[in-house]
Amino acid sequence: MKMKHTHEIVASRMKKGELNELRLICDIGNVLRDMGKSNVEINYFMNVDEDFITDVLSCYHWEAERFASRTI
């Protein structure tokens, strides 16, 4: 079984169907907090790791497309 990266886990736990970018970014922070990440860790993911938000959103859009194709 392949272990998922943090950005994949976060994307899979986000609310599906959200299109507003600001709400998506807020949801990323909320998911990280729900995962038990400390404020320092959340700050790192959201502000220091330059690819984290982009990686989460890429996975999020892929998950949303996969989910939508199953419900049609």
C-alpha atoms as a PDB file:
ATOM      1  CA  MET A   1       0.000   0.000   0.000  1.00  0.00           C
ATOM      2  CA  LYS A   2       1.377   3.384  -1.000  1.00  0.00           C
ATOM      3  CA  MET A   3       1.684   5.972   1.750  1.00  0.00           C
ATOM      4  CA  LYS A   4       0.047   9.301   0.874  1.00  0.00           C
ATOM      5  CA  HIS A   5       1.816  12.633   1.120  1.00  0.00           C
ATOM      6  CA  THR A   6       0.371  15.338   3.371  1.00  0.00           C
ATOM      7  CA  HIS A   7      -0.961  17.336   0.412  1.00  0.00           C
ATOM      8  CA  GLU A   8      -2.851  14.255  -0.850  1.00  0.00           C
ATOM      9  CA  ILE A   9      -4.380  13.618   2.573  1.00  0.00           C
ATOM     10  CA  VAL A  10      -5.431  17.254   2.927  1.00  0.00           C
ATOM     11  CA  ALA A  11      -6.999  17.290  -0.559  1.00  0.00           C
ATOM     12  CA  SER A  12      -8.979  14.131   0.170  1.00  0.00           C
ATOM     13  CA  ARG A  13     -10.387  15.611   3.411  1.00  0.00           C
ATOM     14  CA  MET A  14     -11.433  18.990   1.961  1.00  0.00           C
ATOM     15  CA  LYS A  15     -15.076  19.859   1.285  1.00  0.00           C
ATOM     16  CA  LYS A  16     -15.906  18.921  -2.291  1.00  0.00           C
ATOM     17  CA  GLY A  17     -17.429  21.400  -4.717  1.00  0.00           C
ATOM     18  CA  GLU A  18     -15.857  24.601  -3.400  1.00  0.00           C
ATOM     19  CA  LEU A  19     -14.698  26.961  -6.161  1.00  0.00           C
ATOM     20  CA  ASN A  20     -13.766  30.097  -4.215  1.00  0.00           C
ATOM     21  CA  GLU A  21      -9.974  30.206  -3.914  1.00  0.00           C
ATOM     22  CA  LEU A  22      -9.933  32.009  -0.562  1.00  0.00           C
ATOM     23  CA  ARG A  23     -12.331  29.454   0.949  1.00  0.00           C
ATOM     24  CA  LEU A  24     -10.222  26.612  -0.449  1.00  0.00           C
ATOM     25  CA  ILE A  25      -7.097  28.023   1.202  1.00  0.00           C
ATOM     26  CA  CYS A  26      -8.973  28.478   4.506  1.00  0.00           C
ATOM     27  CA  ASP A  27     -10.198  24.888   4.241  1.00  0.00           C
ATOM     28  CA  ILE A  28      -6.596  23.699   3.794  1.00  0.00           C
ATOM     29  CA  GLY A  29      -5.664  25.354   7.095  1.00  0.00           C
ATOM     30  CA  ASN A  30      -8.727  23.897   8.825  1.00  0.00           C
ATOM     31  CA  VAL A  31      -7.931  20.384   7.584  1.00  0.00           C
ATOM     32  CA  LEU A  32      -4.336  20.708   8.791  1.00  0.00           C
ATOM     33  CA  ARG A  33      -5.629  21.799  12.223  1.00  0.00           C
ATOM     34  CA  ASP A  34      -8.105  18.880  12.274  1.00  0.00           C
ATOM     35  CA  MET A  35      -5.185  16.565  11.500  1.00  0.00           C
ATOM     36  CA  GLY A  36      -3.550  17.736  14.731  1.00  0.00           C
ATOM     37  CA  LYS A  37      -0.832  19.873  13.172  1.00  0.00           C
ATOM     38  CA  SER A  38       0.640  22.551  15.439  1.00  0.00           C
ATOM     39  CA  ASN A  39       0.545  26.261  14.577  1.00  0.00           C
ATOM     40  CA  VAL A  40       4.224  26.066  13.610  1.00  0.00           C
ATOM     41  CA  GLU A  41       3.570  23.157  11.247  1.00  0.00           C
ATOM     42  CA  ILE A  42       0.541  24.881   9.714  1.00  0.00           C
ATOM     43  CA  ASN A  43       2.575  28.058   9.228  1.00  0.00           C
ATOM     44  CA  TYR A  44       5.303  26.037   7.504  1.00  0.00           C
ATOM     45  CA  PHE A  45       2.885  24.322   5.115  1.00  0.00           C
ATOM     46  CA  MET A  46       0.924  27.489   4.329  1.00  0.00           C
ATOM     47  CA  ASN A  47       3.757  30.047   4.119  1.00  0.00           C
ATOM     48  CA  VAL A  48       7.174  28.405   3.736  1.00  0.00           C
ATOM     49  CA  ASP A  49       6.643  25.319   1.559  1.00  0.00           C
ATOM     50  CA  GLU A  50       6.189  27.055  -1.795  1.00  0.00           C
ATOM     51  CA  ASP A  51       4.553  24.055  -3.501  1.00  0.00           C
ATOM     52  CA  PHE A  52       2.212  22.859  -0.763  1.00  0.00           C
ATOM     53  CA  ILE A  53      -0.940  24.853  -1.609  1.00  0.00           C
ATOM     54  CA  THR A  54      -0.446  24.251  -5.338  1.00  0.00           C
ATOM     55  CA  ASP A  55       0.013  20.523  -4.731  1.00  0.00           C
ATOM     56  CA  VAL A  56      -3.097  20.361  -2.526  1.00  0.00           C
ATOM     57  CA  LEU A  57      -5.217  22.206  -5.090  1.00  0.00           C
ATOM     58  CA  SER A  58      -3.967  19.970  -7.906  1.00  0.00           C
ATOM     59  CA  CYS A  59      -4.938  16.870  -5.928  1.00  0.00           C
ATOM     60  CA  TYR A  60      -8.218  18.488  -4.862  1.00  0.00           C
ATOM     61  CA  HIS A  61      -9.260  19.181  -8.452  1.00  0.00           C
ATOM     62  CA  TRP A  62      -8.282  15.641  -9.495  1.00  0.00           C
ATOM     63  CA  GLU A  63     -10.303  14.164  -6.596  1.00  0.00           C
ATOM     64  CA  ALA A  64     -13.286  16.392  -7.445  1.00  0.00           C
ATOM     65  CA  GLU A  65     -13.206  15.330 -11.105  1.00  0.00           C
ATOM     66  CA  ARG A  66     -12.983  11.657 -10.120  1.00  0.00           C
ATOM     67  CA  PHE A  67     -15.892  12.058  -7.675  1.00  0.00           C
ATOM     68  CA  ALA A  68     -18.028  13.882 -10.258  1.00  0.00           C
ATOM     69  CA  SER A  69     -17.444  11.182 -12.882  1.00  0.00           C
ATOM     70  CA  ARG A  70     -18.707   8.507 -10.448  1.00  0.00           C
ATOM     71  CA  THR A  71     -21.923  10.386  -9.645  1.00  0.00           C
ATOM     72  CA  ILE A  72     -23.055  10.922 -13.249  1.00  0.00           C
END
